[in-house]
């Protein structure tokens, strides 16, 4: 592919209509991420290995997970919520 066709593709993608932001999508994302963190903090075999994630007053609720467990849980939560939003909440 030459540069002109790549530039044309970029302009087409940039000029396509963007869906508007909505509260329902953000609530789905937040809810799924927190649910995955809650479940993962109780099912990960070694959730306390490594530095602890400073969750403040919610540390006990999420079992005082480590930083690695928190990042992994949030990543999985984003993947699951992206699937749900694309399949069920897109117009």
PDB file of N, CA and C in Angstrom:
ATOM      1  N   UNK A   1       0.840  -1.184   0.000  1.00  0.00           N
ATOM      2  CA  UNK A   1       0.000   0.000   0.000  1.00  0.00           C
ATOM      3  C   UNK A   1       0.881   1.241   0.000  1.00  0.00           C
ATOM      4  N   UNK A   2       0.515   2.175  -0.788  1.00  0.00           N
ATOM      5  CA  UNK A   2       1.304   3.404  -0.781  1.00  0.00           C
ATOM      6  C   UNK A   2       0.748   4.394   0.234  1.00  0.00           C
ATOM      7  N   UNK A   3       1.449   5.494   0.408  1.00  0.00           N
ATOM      8  CA  UNK A   3       1.059   6.460   1.441  1.00  0.00           C
ATOM      9  C   UNK A   3      -0.241   7.165   1.124  1.00  0.00           C
ATOM     10  N   UNK A   4      -0.556   7.362  -0.146  1.00  0.00           N
ATOM     11  CA  UNK A   4      -1.795   8.050  -0.487  1.00  0.00           C
ATOM     12  C   UNK A   4      -3.013   7.239  -0.089  1.00  0.00           C
ATOM     13  N   UNK A   5      -2.973   5.936  -0.290  1.00  0.00           N
ATOM     14  CA  UNK A   5      -4.128   5.130   0.097  1.00  0.00           C
ATOM     15  C   UNK A   5      -4.248   5.034   1.617  1.00  0.00           C
ATOM     16  N   UNK A   6      -3.129   4.989   2.345  1.00  0.00           N
ATOM     17  CA  UNK A   6      -3.193   5.005   3.803  1.00  0.00           C
ATOM     18  C   UNK A   6      -3.756   6.317   4.317  1.00  0.00           C
ATOM     19  N   UNK A   7      -3.374   7.414   3.687  1.00  0.00           N
ATOM     20  CA  UNK A   7      -3.906   8.710   4.068  1.00  0.00           C
ATOM     21  C   UNK A   7      -5.409   8.772   3.802  1.00  0.00           C
ATOM     22  N   UNK A   8      -5.831   8.208   2.709  1.00  0.00           N
ATOM     23  CA  UNK A   8      -7.259   8.172   2.402  1.00  0.00           C
ATOM     24  C   UNK A   8      -8.037   7.357   3.416  1.00  0.00           C
ATOM     25  N   UNK A   9      -7.467   6.244   3.852  1.00  0.00           N
ATOM     26  CA  UNK A   9      -8.127   5.436   4.876  1.00  0.00           C
ATOM     27  C   UNK A   9      -8.223   6.184   6.194  1.00  0.00           C
ATOM     28  N   UNK A  10      -7.185   6.904   6.546  1.00  0.00           N
ATOM     29  CA  UNK A  10      -7.192   7.665   7.795  1.00  0.00           C
ATOM     30  C   UNK A  10      -8.232   8.773   7.746  1.00  0.00           C
ATOM     31  N   UNK A  11      -8.375   9.438   6.605  1.00  0.00           N
ATOM     32  CA  UNK A  11      -9.368  10.498   6.489  1.00  0.00           C
ATOM     33  C   UNK A  11     -10.772   9.928   6.538  1.00  0.00           C
ATOM     34  N   UNK A  12     -10.986   8.756   5.938  1.00  0.00           N
ATOM     35  CA  UNK A  12     -12.301   8.128   5.984  1.00  0.00           C
ATOM     36  C   UNK A  12     -12.664   7.750   7.410  1.00  0.00           C
ATOM     37  N   UNK A  13     -11.713   7.184   8.138  1.00  0.00           N
ATOM     38  CA  UNK A  13     -11.981   6.796   9.521  1.00  0.00           C
ATOM     39  C   UNK A  13     -12.208   8.015  10.396  1.00  0.00           C
ATOM     40  N   UNK A  14     -11.486   9.082  10.153  1.00  0.00           N
ATOM     41  CA  UNK A  14     -11.624  10.279  10.985  1.00  0.00           C
ATOM     42  C   UNK A  14     -12.934  11.013  10.710  1.00  0.00           C
ATOM     43  N   UNK A  15     -13.466  10.877   9.487  1.00  0.00           N
ATOM     44  CA  UNK A  15     -14.678  11.611   9.170  1.00  0.00           C
ATOM     45  C   UNK A  15     -15.941  10.797   9.422  1.00  0.00           C
ATOM     46  N   UNK A  16     -15.803   9.540   9.864  1.00  0.00           N
ATOM     47  CA  UNK A  16     -16.991   8.735  10.142  1.00  0.00           C
ATOM     48  C   UNK A  16     -17.663   9.257  11.409  1.00  0.00           C
ATOM     49  N   UNK A  17     -18.982   9.123  11.489  1.00  0.00           N
ATOM     50  CA  UNK A  17     -19.684   9.646  12.673  1.00  0.00           C
ATOM     51  C   UNK A  17     -19.306   8.865  13.932  1.00  0.00           C
ATOM     52  N   UNK A  18     -19.146   9.596  15.007  1.00  0.00           N
ATOM     53  CA  UNK A  18     -18.769   8.995  16.281  1.00  0.00           C
ATOM     54  C   UNK A  18     -20.020   8.918  17.143  1.00  0.00           C
ATOM     55  N   UNK A  19     -20.207   7.759  17.787  1.00  0.00           N
ATOM     56  CA  UNK A  19     -21.359   7.625  18.664  1.00  0.00           C
ATOM     57  C   UNK A  19     -21.197   8.544  19.871  1.00  0.00           C
ATOM     58  N   UNK A  20     -22.311   9.049  20.339  1.00  0.00           N
ATOM     59  CA  UNK A  20     -22.261   9.950  21.486  1.00  0.00           C
ATOM     60  C   UNK A  20     -22.084   9.150  22.768  1.00  0.00           C
ATOM     61  N   UNK A  21     -21.544   9.812  23.764  1.00  0.00           N
ATOM     62  CA  UNK A  21     -21.323   9.209  25.068  1.00  0.00           C
ATOM     63  C   UNK A  21     -22.662   9.060  25.771  1.00  0.00           C
ATOM     64  N   UNK A  22     -22.824   8.009  26.559  1.00  0.00           N
ATOM     65  CA  UNK A  22     -24.071   7.833  27.303  1.00  0.00           C
ATOM     66  C   UNK A  22     -23.787   7.300  28.700  1.00  0.00           C
ATOM     67  N   UNK A  23     -24.681   7.612  29.615  1.00  0.00           N
ATOM     68  CA  UNK A  23     -24.542   7.159  30.991  1.00  0.00           C
ATOM     69  C   UNK A  23     -24.647   5.651  31.092  1.00  0.00           C
ATOM     70  N   UNK A  24     -25.507   5.034  30.285  1.00  0.00           N
ATOM     71  CA  UNK A  24     -25.694   3.584  30.401  1.00  0.00           C
ATOM     72  C   UNK A  24     -24.408   2.833  30.095  1.00  0.00           C
ATOM     73  N   UNK A  25     -23.674   3.274  29.098  1.00  0.00           N
ATOM     74  CA  UNK A  25     -22.418   2.598  28.761  1.00  0.00           C
ATOM     75  C   UNK A  25     -21.378   2.764  29.854  1.00  0.00           C
ATOM     76  N   UNK A  26     -21.295   3.945  30.425  1.00  0.00           N
ATOM     77  CA  UNK A  26     -20.299   4.159  31.478  1.00  0.00           C
ATOM     78  C   UNK A  26     -20.669   3.399  32.755  1.00  0.00           C
ATOM     79  N   UNK A  27     -21.965   3.273  33.028  1.00  0.00           N
ATOM     80  CA  UNK A  27     -22.390   2.496  34.198  1.00  0.00           C
ATOM     81  C   UNK A  27     -22.114   1.012  33.996  1.00  0.00           C
ATOM     82  N   UNK A  28     -22.307   0.520  32.780  1.00  0.00           N
ATOM     83  CA  UNK A  28     -21.991  -0.873  32.488  1.00  0.00           C
ATOM     84  C   UNK A  28     -20.495  -1.111  32.684  1.00  0.00           C
ATOM     85  N   UNK A  29     -19.665  -0.226  32.162  1.00  0.00           N
ATOM     86  CA  UNK A  29     -18.212  -0.373  32.288  1.00  0.00           C
ATOM     87  C   UNK A  29     -17.799  -0.369  33.752  1.00  0.00           C
ATOM     88  N   UNK A  30     -18.280   0.580  34.511  1.00  0.00           N
ATOM     89  CA  UNK A  30     -17.907   0.684  35.930  1.00  0.00           C
ATOM     90  C   UNK A  30     -18.415  -0.508  36.727  1.00  0.00           C
ATOM     91  N   UNK A  31     -19.657  -0.882  36.503  1.00  0.00           N
ATOM     92  CA  UNK A  31     -20.252  -2.001  37.238  1.00  0.00           C
ATOM     93  C   UNK A  31     -19.559  -3.321  36.958  1.00  0.00           C
ATOM     94  N   UNK A  32     -19.274  -3.581  35.694  1.00  0.00           N
ATOM     95  CA  UNK A  32     -18.599  -4.835  35.341  1.00  0.00           C
ATOM     96  C   UNK A  32     -17.188  -4.865  35.920  1.00  0.00           C
ATOM     97  N   UNK A  33     -16.469  -3.765  35.862  1.00  0.00           N
ATOM     98  CA  UNK A  33     -15.109  -3.730  36.411  1.00  0.00           C
ATOM     99  C   UNK A  33     -15.110  -3.975  37.918  1.00  0.00           C
ATOM    100  N   UNK A  34     -16.040  -3.364  38.625  1.00  0.00           N
ATOM    101  CA  UNK A  34     -16.110  -3.576  40.074  1.00  0.00           C
ATOM    102  C   UNK A  34     -16.543  -4.999  40.407  1.00  0.00           C
ATOM    103  N   UNK A  35     -17.467  -5.553  39.627  1.00  0.00           N
ATOM    104  CA  UNK A  35     -17.903  -6.930  39.852  1.00  0.00           C
ATOM    105  C   UNK A  35     -16.757  -7.911  39.612  1.00  0.00           C
ATOM    106  N   UNK A  36     -15.999  -7.705  38.550  1.00  0.00           N
ATOM    107  CA  UNK A  36     -14.854  -8.575  38.271  1.00  0.00           C
ATOM    108  C   UNK A  36     -13.810  -8.440  39.371  1.00  0.00           C
ATOM    109  N   UNK A  37     -13.556  -7.233  39.851  1.00  0.00           N
ATOM    110  CA  UNK A  37     -12.599  -7.036  40.945  1.00  0.00           C
ATOM    111  C   UNK A  37     -13.069  -7.743  42.208  1.00  0.00           C
ATOM    112  N   UNK A  38     -14.356  -7.663  42.504  1.00  0.00           N
ATOM    113  CA  UNK A  38     -14.917  -8.324  43.685  1.00  0.00           C
ATOM    114  C   UNK A  38     -14.773  -9.836  43.587  1.00  0.00           C
ATOM    115  N   UNK A  39     -15.114 -10.403  42.422  1.00  0.00           N
ATOM    116  CA  UNK A  39     -15.029 -11.856  42.229  1.00  0.00           C
ATOM    117  C   UNK A  39     -13.570 -12.307  42.192  1.00  0.00           C
ATOM    118  N   UNK A  40     -12.737 -11.589  41.462  1.00  0.00           N
ATOM    119  CA  UNK A  40     -11.342 -11.994  41.311  1.00  0.00           C
ATOM    120  C   UNK A  40     -10.579 -11.928  42.628  1.00  0.00           C
ATOM    121  N   UNK A  41     -10.920 -10.965  43.468  1.00  0.00           N
ATOM    122  CA  UNK A  41     -10.203 -10.848  44.740  1.00  0.00           C
ATOM    123  C   UNK A  41     -10.452 -12.049  45.641  1.00  0.00           C
ATOM    124  N   UNK A  42     -11.497 -12.798  45.371  1.00  0.00           N
ATOM    125  CA  UNK A  42     -11.795 -13.980  46.162  1.00  0.00           C
ATOM    126  C   UNK A  42     -11.443 -15.288  45.465  1.00  0.00           C
ATOM    127  N   UNK A  43     -11.162 -15.232  44.160  1.00  0.00           N
ATOM    128  CA  UNK A  43     -10.885 -16.468  43.432  1.00  0.00           C
ATOM    129  C   UNK A  43      -9.443 -16.602  42.951  1.00  0.00           C
ATOM    130  N   UNK A  44      -8.679 -15.529  42.917  1.00  0.00           N
ATOM    131  CA  UNK A  44      -7.268 -15.619  42.530  1.00  0.00           C
ATOM    132  C   UNK A  44      -6.537 -16.426  43.598  1.00  0.00           C
ATOM    133  N   UNK A  45      -5.678 -17.339  43.164  1.00  0.00           N
ATOM    134  CA  UNK A  45      -5.024 -18.242  44.102  1.00  0.00           C
ATOM    135  C   UNK A  45      -4.141 -17.495  45.103  1.00  0.00           C
ATOM    136  N   UNK A  46      -3.364 -16.531  44.630  1.00  0.00           N
ATOM    137  CA  UNK A  46      -2.499 -15.742  45.512  1.00  0.00           C
ATOM    138  C   UNK A  46      -2.771 -14.252  45.281  1.00  0.00           C
ATOM    139  N   UNK A  47      -3.863 -13.719  45.831  1.00  0.00           N
ATOM    140  CA  UNK A  47      -4.203 -12.319  45.552  1.00  0.00           C
ATOM    141  C   UNK A  47      -3.365 -11.297  46.309  1.00  0.00           C
ATOM    142  N   UNK A  48      -2.552 -11.751  47.270  1.00  0.00           N
ATOM    143  CA  UNK A  48      -1.815 -10.798  48.105  1.00  0.00           C
ATOM    144  C   UNK A  48      -0.320 -10.784  47.819  1.00  0.00           C
ATOM    145  N   UNK A  49       0.125 -11.433  46.752  1.00  0.00           N
ATOM    146  CA  UNK A  49       1.544 -11.472  46.417  1.00  0.00           C
ATOM    147  C   UNK A  49       1.914 -10.187  45.698  1.00  0.00           C
ATOM    148  N   UNK A  50       2.908  -9.480  46.207  1.00  0.00           N
ATOM    149  CA  UNK A  50       3.324  -8.216  45.614  1.00  0.00           C
ATOM    150  C   UNK A  50       2.801  -7.044  46.419  1.00  0.00           C
ATOM    151  N   UNK A  51       3.084  -5.832  45.935  1.00  0.00           N
ATOM    152  CA  UNK A  51       2.634  -4.642  46.672  1.00  0.00           C
ATOM    153  C   UNK A  51       1.114  -4.538  46.676  1.00  0.00           C
ATOM    154  N   UNK A  52       0.569  -4.097  47.809  1.00  0.00           N
ATOM    155  CA  UNK A  52      -0.883  -3.970  47.932  1.00  0.00           C
ATOM    156  C   UNK A  52      -1.381  -2.737  47.187  1.00  0.00           C
ATOM    157  N   UNK A  53      -2.557  -2.863  46.627  1.00  0.00           N
ATOM    158  CA  UNK A  53      -3.211  -1.739  45.976  1.00  0.00           C
ATOM    159  C   UNK A  53      -3.868  -0.883  47.059  1.00  0.00           C
ATOM    160  N   UNK A  54      -3.564   0.414  47.117  1.00  0.00           N
ATOM    161  CA  UNK A  54      -4.174   1.260  48.156  1.00  0.00           C
ATOM    162  C   UNK A  54      -5.618   1.599  47.783  1.00  0.00           C
ATOM    163  N   UNK A  55      -6.559   0.839  48.311  1.00  0.00           N
ATOM    164  CA  UNK A  55      -7.975   1.038  47.988  1.00  0.00           C
ATOM    165  C   UNK A  55      -8.710   1.826  49.065  1.00  0.00           C
ATOM    166  N   UNK A  56      -7.993   2.307  50.049  1.00  0.00           N
ATOM    167  CA  UNK A  56      -8.604   3.134  51.082  1.00  0.00           C
ATOM    168  C   UNK A  56      -9.639   2.367  51.880  1.00  0.00           C
ATOM    169  N   UNK A  57     -10.820   2.967  52.089  1.00  0.00           N
ATOM    170  CA  UNK A  57     -11.839   2.306  52.907  1.00  0.00           C
ATOM    171  C   UNK A  57     -12.451   1.079  52.227  1.00  0.00           C
ATOM    172  N   UNK A  58     -12.197   0.886  50.933  1.00  0.00           N
ATOM    173  CA  UNK A  58     -12.770  -0.252  50.222  1.00  0.00           C
ATOM    174  C   UNK A  58     -11.812  -1.435  50.163  1.00  0.00           C
ATOM    175  N   UNK A  59     -10.674  -1.347  50.842  1.00  0.00           N
ATOM    176  CA  UNK A  59      -9.690  -2.420  50.829  1.00  0.00           C
ATOM    177  C   UNK A  59     -10.237  -3.729  51.364  1.00  0.00           C
ATOM    178  N   UNK A  60     -11.007  -3.663  52.441  1.00  0.00           N
ATOM    179  CA  UNK A  60     -11.576  -4.888  53.022  1.00  0.00           C
ATOM    180  C   UNK A  60     -12.632  -5.495  52.099  1.00  0.00           C
ATOM    181  N   UNK A  61     -13.393  -4.657  51.422  1.00  0.00           N
ATOM    182  CA  UNK A  61     -14.425  -5.152  50.509  1.00  0.00           C
ATOM    183  C   UNK A  61     -13.813  -5.939  49.358  1.00  0.00           C
ATOM    184  N   UNK A  62     -12.677  -5.466  48.871  1.00  0.00           N
ATOM    185  CA  UNK A  62     -12.017  -6.134  47.750  1.00  0.00           C
ATOM    186  C   UNK A  62     -10.853  -7.002  48.204  1.00  0.00           C
ATOM    187  N   UNK A  63     -10.851  -7.426  49.482  1.00  0.00           N
ATOM    188  CA  UNK A  63      -9.935  -8.417  50.023  1.00  0.00           C
ATOM    189  C   UNK A  63      -8.485  -7.954  49.998  1.00  0.00           C
ATOM    190  N   UNK A  64      -8.217  -6.669  49.955  1.00  0.00           N
ATOM    191  CA  UNK A  64      -6.851  -6.145  49.997  1.00  0.00           C
ATOM    192  C   UNK A  64      -5.955  -6.710  48.910  1.00  0.00           C
ATOM    193  N   UNK A  65      -6.402  -6.659  47.665  1.00  0.00           N
ATOM    194  CA  UNK A  65      -5.670  -7.281  46.556  1.00  0.00           C
ATOM    195  C   UNK A  65      -4.359  -6.562  46.278  1.00  0.00           C
ATOM    196  N   UNK A  66      -3.466  -7.283  45.610  1.00  0.00           N
ATOM    197  CA  UNK A  66      -2.194  -6.696  45.215  1.00  0.00           C
ATOM    198  C   UNK A  66      -2.385  -5.838  43.964  1.00  0.00           C
ATOM    199  N   UNK A  67      -1.366  -5.100  43.635  1.00  0.00           N
ATOM    200  CA  UNK A  67      -1.408  -4.237  42.455  1.00  0.00           C
ATOM    201  C   UNK A  67      -1.595  -5.058  41.182  1.00  0.00           C
ATOM    202  N   UNK A  68      -0.901  -6.191  41.084  1.00  0.00           N
ATOM    203  CA  UNK A  68      -1.024  -7.041  39.896  1.00  0.00           C
ATOM    204  C   UNK A  68      -2.429  -7.613  39.763  1.00  0.00           C
ATOM    205  N   UNK A  69      -3.034  -8.029  40.873  1.00  0.00           N
ATOM    206  CA  UNK A  69      -4.392  -8.557  40.834  1.00  0.00           C
ATOM    207  C   UNK A  69      -5.383  -7.467  40.443  1.00  0.00           C
ATOM    208  N   UNK A  70      -5.161  -6.250  40.914  1.00  0.00           N
ATOM    209  CA  UNK A  70      -6.035  -5.131  40.571  1.00  0.00           C
ATOM    210  C   UNK A  70      -5.962  -4.819  39.080  1.00  0.00           C
ATOM    211  N   UNK A  71      -4.749  -4.750  38.537  1.00  0.00           N
ATOM    212  CA  UNK A  71      -4.580  -4.437  37.113  1.00  0.00           C
ATOM    213  C   UNK A  71      -5.177  -5.551  36.257  1.00  0.00           C
ATOM    214  N   UNK A  72      -4.961  -6.788  36.642  1.00  0.00           N
ATOM    215  CA  UNK A  72      -5.536  -7.904  35.899  1.00  0.00           C
ATOM    216  C   UNK A  72      -7.052  -7.901  35.942  1.00  0.00           C
ATOM    217  N   UNK A  73      -7.625  -7.602  37.094  1.00  0.00           N
ATOM    218  CA  UNK A  73      -9.076  -7.551  37.230  1.00  0.00           C
ATOM    219  C   UNK A  73      -9.673  -6.423  36.402  1.00  0.00           C
ATOM    220  N   UNK A  74      -9.031  -5.259  36.440  1.00  0.00           N
ATOM    221  CA  UNK A  74      -9.529  -4.142  35.644  1.00  0.00           C
ATOM    222  C   UNK A  74      -9.421  -4.419  34.147  1.00  0.00           C
ATOM    223  N   UNK A  75      -8.356  -5.087  33.742  1.00  0.00           N
ATOM    224  CA  UNK A  75      -8.192  -5.429  32.328  1.00  0.00           C
ATOM    225  C   UNK A  75      -9.295  -6.379  31.878  1.00  0.00           C
ATOM    226  N   UNK A  76      -9.546  -7.413  32.657  1.00  0.00           N
ATOM    227  CA  UNK A  76     -10.606  -8.352  32.315  1.00  0.00           C
ATOM    228  C   UNK A  76     -11.970  -7.661  32.348  1.00  0.00           C
ATOM    229  N   UNK A  77     -12.175  -6.775  33.307  1.00  0.00           N
ATOM    230  CA  UNK A  77     -13.438  -6.028  33.371  1.00  0.00           C
ATOM    231  C   UNK A  77     -13.655  -5.167  32.145  1.00  0.00           C
ATOM    232  N   UNK A  78     -12.604  -4.533  31.648  1.00  0.00           N
ATOM    233  CA  UNK A  78     -12.732  -3.715  30.443  1.00  0.00           C
ATOM    234  C   UNK A  78     -13.021  -4.571  29.216  1.00  0.00           C
ATOM    235  N   UNK A  79     -12.405  -5.743  29.127  1.00  0.00           N
ATOM    236  CA  UNK A  79     -12.654  -6.630  27.987  1.00  0.00           C
ATOM    237  C   UNK A  79     -14.098  -7.116  27.997  1.00  0.00           C
ATOM    238  N   UNK A  80     -14.582  -7.557  29.151  1.00  0.00           N
ATOM    239  CA  UNK A  80     -15.958  -8.043  29.245  1.00  0.00           C
ATOM    240  C   UNK A  80     -16.949  -6.920  28.979  1.00  0.00           C
ATOM    241  N   UNK A  81     -16.719  -5.740  29.555  1.00  0.00           N
ATOM    242  CA  UNK A  81     -17.670  -4.638  29.358  1.00  0.00           C
ATOM    243  C   UNK A  81     -17.634  -4.113  27.929  1.00  0.00           C
ATOM    244  N   UNK A  82     -16.473  -4.134  27.274  1.00  0.00           N
ATOM    245  CA  UNK A  82     -16.427  -3.728  25.868  1.00  0.00           C
ATOM    246  C   UNK A  82     -17.263  -4.675  25.020  1.00  0.00           C
ATOM    247  N   UNK A  83     -17.169  -5.973  25.299  1.00  0.00           N
ATOM    248  CA  UNK A  83     -17.999  -6.951  24.586  1.00  0.00           C
ATOM    249  C   UNK A  83     -19.484  -6.672  24.818  1.00  0.00           C
ATOM    250  N   UNK A  84     -19.866  -6.425  26.071  1.00  0.00           N
ATOM    251  CA  UNK A  84     -21.267  -6.159  26.368  1.00  0.00           C
ATOM    252  C   UNK A  84     -21.765  -4.874  25.720  1.00  0.00           C
ATOM    253  N   UNK A  85     -20.970  -3.835  25.775  1.00  0.00           N
ATOM    254  CA  UNK A  85     -21.374  -2.554  25.205  1.00  0.00           C
ATOM    255  C   UNK A  85     -21.505  -2.639  23.690  1.00  0.00           C
ATOM    256  N   UNK A  86     -20.548  -3.281  23.043  1.00  0.00           N
ATOM    257  CA  UNK A  86     -20.596  -3.391  21.581  1.00  0.00           C
ATOM    258  C   UNK A  86     -21.795  -4.235  21.136  1.00  0.00           C
ATOM    259  N   UNK A  87     -22.083  -5.312  21.856  1.00  0.00           N
ATOM    260  CA  UNK A  87     -23.141  -6.224  21.431  1.00  0.00           C
ATOM    261  C   UNK A  87     -24.526  -5.831  21.891  1.00  0.00           C
ATOM    262  N   UNK A  88     -24.658  -5.198  23.051  1.00  0.00           N
ATOM    263  CA  UNK A  88     -25.985  -4.968  23.604  1.00  0.00           C
ATOM    264  C   UNK A  88     -26.351  -3.495  23.801  1.00  0.00           C
ATOM    265  N   UNK A  89     -25.381  -2.609  23.832  1.00  0.00           N
ATOM    266  CA  UNK A  89     -25.692  -1.210  24.126  1.00  0.00           C
ATOM    267  C   UNK A  89     -25.352  -0.264  22.978  1.00  0.00           C
ATOM    268  N   UNK A  90     -25.037  -0.789  21.815  1.00  0.00           N
ATOM    269  CA  UNK A  90     -24.768   0.103  20.682  1.00  0.00           C
ATOM    270  C   UNK A  90     -26.050   0.274  19.883  1.00  0.00           C
ATOM    271  N   UNK A  91     -26.220   1.467  19.367  1.00  0.00           N
ATOM    272  CA  UNK A  91     -27.469   1.772  18.673  1.00  0.00           C
ATOM    273  C   UNK A  91     -27.384   1.555  17.181  1.00  0.00           C
TER     274      UNK A  91
END
